[in-house]
Protein backbone atom coordinates (compact mmCIF):
# COMPACT_ATOMS: atom_id res chain seq x y z
CA UNK A 1 0.00 0.00 0.00
CA UNK A 2 1.36 3.42 -0.95
CA UNK A 3 1.58 5.98 1.80
CA UNK A 4 0.93 9.52 0.55
CA UNK A 5 3.32 10.92 3.17
CA UNK A 6 6.20 9.30 1.28
CA UNK A 7 5.72 11.61 -1.71
CA UNK A 8 8.30 14.42 -1.72
CA UNK A 9 6.09 16.64 -3.89
CA UNK A 10 3.18 16.48 -1.43
CA UNK A 11 4.21 19.87 -0.07
CA UNK A 12 3.98 21.34 -3.56
CA UNK A 13 0.42 20.08 -3.89
CA UNK A 14 -0.53 21.42 -0.47
CA UNK A 15 1.11 24.81 -1.08
CA UNK A 16 -0.18 25.18 -4.65
CA UNK A 17 -3.00 27.60 -3.78
CA UNK A 18 -0.66 29.83 -1.77
CA UNK A 19 2.02 29.67 -4.49
CA UNK A 20 -0.64 30.64 -7.03
CA UNK A 21 -1.62 33.70 -4.95
CA UNK A 22 2.02 34.76 -4.49
CA UNK A 23 2.73 34.22 -8.19
CA UNK A 24 -0.30 36.29 -9.22
CA UNK A 25 0.72 39.13 -6.92
CA UNK A 26 4.29 39.02 -8.25
CA UNK A 27 3.01 39.03 -11.84
CA UNK A 28 0.46 41.83 -11.38
CA UNK A 29 2.36 44.37 -9.27
CA UNK A 30 3.57 46.91 -10.09
CA UNK A 31 1.11 47.37 -12.91
CA UNK A 32 3.35 49.53 -15.08
CA UNK A 33 5.50 49.32 -17.12
CA UNK A 34 4.16 46.15 -18.71
CA UNK A 35 6.29 45.47 -21.77
CA UNK A 36 7.37 42.21 -23.38
CA UNK A 37 10.76 42.14 -21.66
CA UNK A 38 9.13 42.42 -18.26
CA UNK A 39 6.66 39.66 -19.04
CA UNK A 40 9.52 37.40 -20.12
CA UNK A 41 11.49 38.28 -16.98
CA UNK A 42 8.48 37.56 -14.75
CA UNK A 43 7.72 34.26 -16.52
CA UNK A 44 11.32 33.10 -16.15
CA UNK A 45 11.38 34.15 -12.48
CA UNK A 46 8.18 32.22 -11.75
CA UNK A 47 9.45 29.14 -13.59
CA UNK A 48 12.73 29.30 -11.67
CA UNK A 49 10.85 29.67 -8.37
CA UNK A 50 8.71 26.63 -9.17
CA UNK A 51 11.67 24.55 -10.41
CA UNK A 52 13.79 25.55 -7.42
CA UNK A 53 10.98 24.64 -5.07
CA UNK A 54 10.47 21.25 -6.71
CA UNK A 55 14.20 20.47 -6.75
CA UNK A 56 14.60 21.48 -3.12
CA UNK A 57 11.59 19.36 -2.13
CA UNK A 58 13.19 16.22 -3.55
CA UNK A 59 16.65 17.12 -2.22
CA UNK A 60 15.52 17.91 1.33
CA UNK A 61 13.21 14.90 1.44
CA UNK A 62 16.13 12.70 0.48
CA UNK A 63 18.54 14.05 3.10
CA UNK A 64 16.05 14.19 5.98
CA UNK A 65 16.99 12.13 9.04
CA UNK A 66 14.25 9.56 9.40
CA UNK A 67 15.29 8.97 13.00
CA UNK A 68 13.01 11.86 13.97
CA UNK A 69 9.89 10.11 12.72
CA UNK A 70 8.14 9.35 9.46
CA UNK A 71 6.69 12.83 9.14
CA UNK A 72 10.01 14.68 9.48
CA UNK A 73 10.99 14.35 5.79
CA UNK A 74 7.71 16.05 4.80
CA UNK A 75 8.19 18.81 7.37
CA UNK A 76 11.74 19.48 6.19
CA UNK A 77 10.78 19.31 2.51
CA UNK A 78 7.89 21.72 3.06
CA UNK A 79 10.04 24.21 4.94
CA UNK A 80 12.92 24.15 2.49
CA UNK A 81 10.69 24.21 -0.59
CA UNK A 82 8.70 27.16 0.69
CA UNK A 83 11.89 29.01 1.60
CA UNK A 84 13.41 28.46 -1.84
CA UNK A 85 10.23 29.61 -3.58
CA UNK A 86 10.15 32.81 -1.50
CA UNK A 87 13.88 33.40 -1.93
CA UNK A 88 13.71 33.17 -5.73
CA UNK A 89 10.67 35.47 -5.87
CA UNK A 90 12.27 37.98 -3.49
CA UNK A 91 15.50 38.11 -5.48
CA UNK A 92 13.55 38.47 -8.73
CA UNK A 93 11.34 41.18 -7.20
CA UNK A 94 14.26 43.35 -6.12
CA UNK A 95 16.20 42.67 -9.32
CA UNK A 96 13.14 43.63 -11.39
CA UNK A 97 12.61 46.76 -9.28
CA UNK A 98 16.21 47.86 -9.82
CA UNK A 99 15.97 47.09 -13.55
CA UNK A 100 12.73 49.06 -13.94
CA UNK A 101 14.13 52.02 -11.99
CA UNK A 102 17.00 52.29 -14.48
CA UNK A 103 14.71 52.06 -17.50
């Protein structure tokens, strides 16, 4: 019998609504300027945030010490994945802000 708690990407499924809200806010604000280069930059940033989150989920799930219980790998994967997603979006946000200020 498969145990759903053994899936490293479970955190991604559980955080999907929150990631969708954060992604929409990142995409929509600030509203101007909205040119093709910015849309490409935002799309790449969101893809990198998602990919980084997914990679960190699998990595942290794999290195988790199972001596702390069966749930610990999920807790660690969730924490690390969420942190990576926020880190990538934060870096992209400030990089985009600096880029738009120069333009």
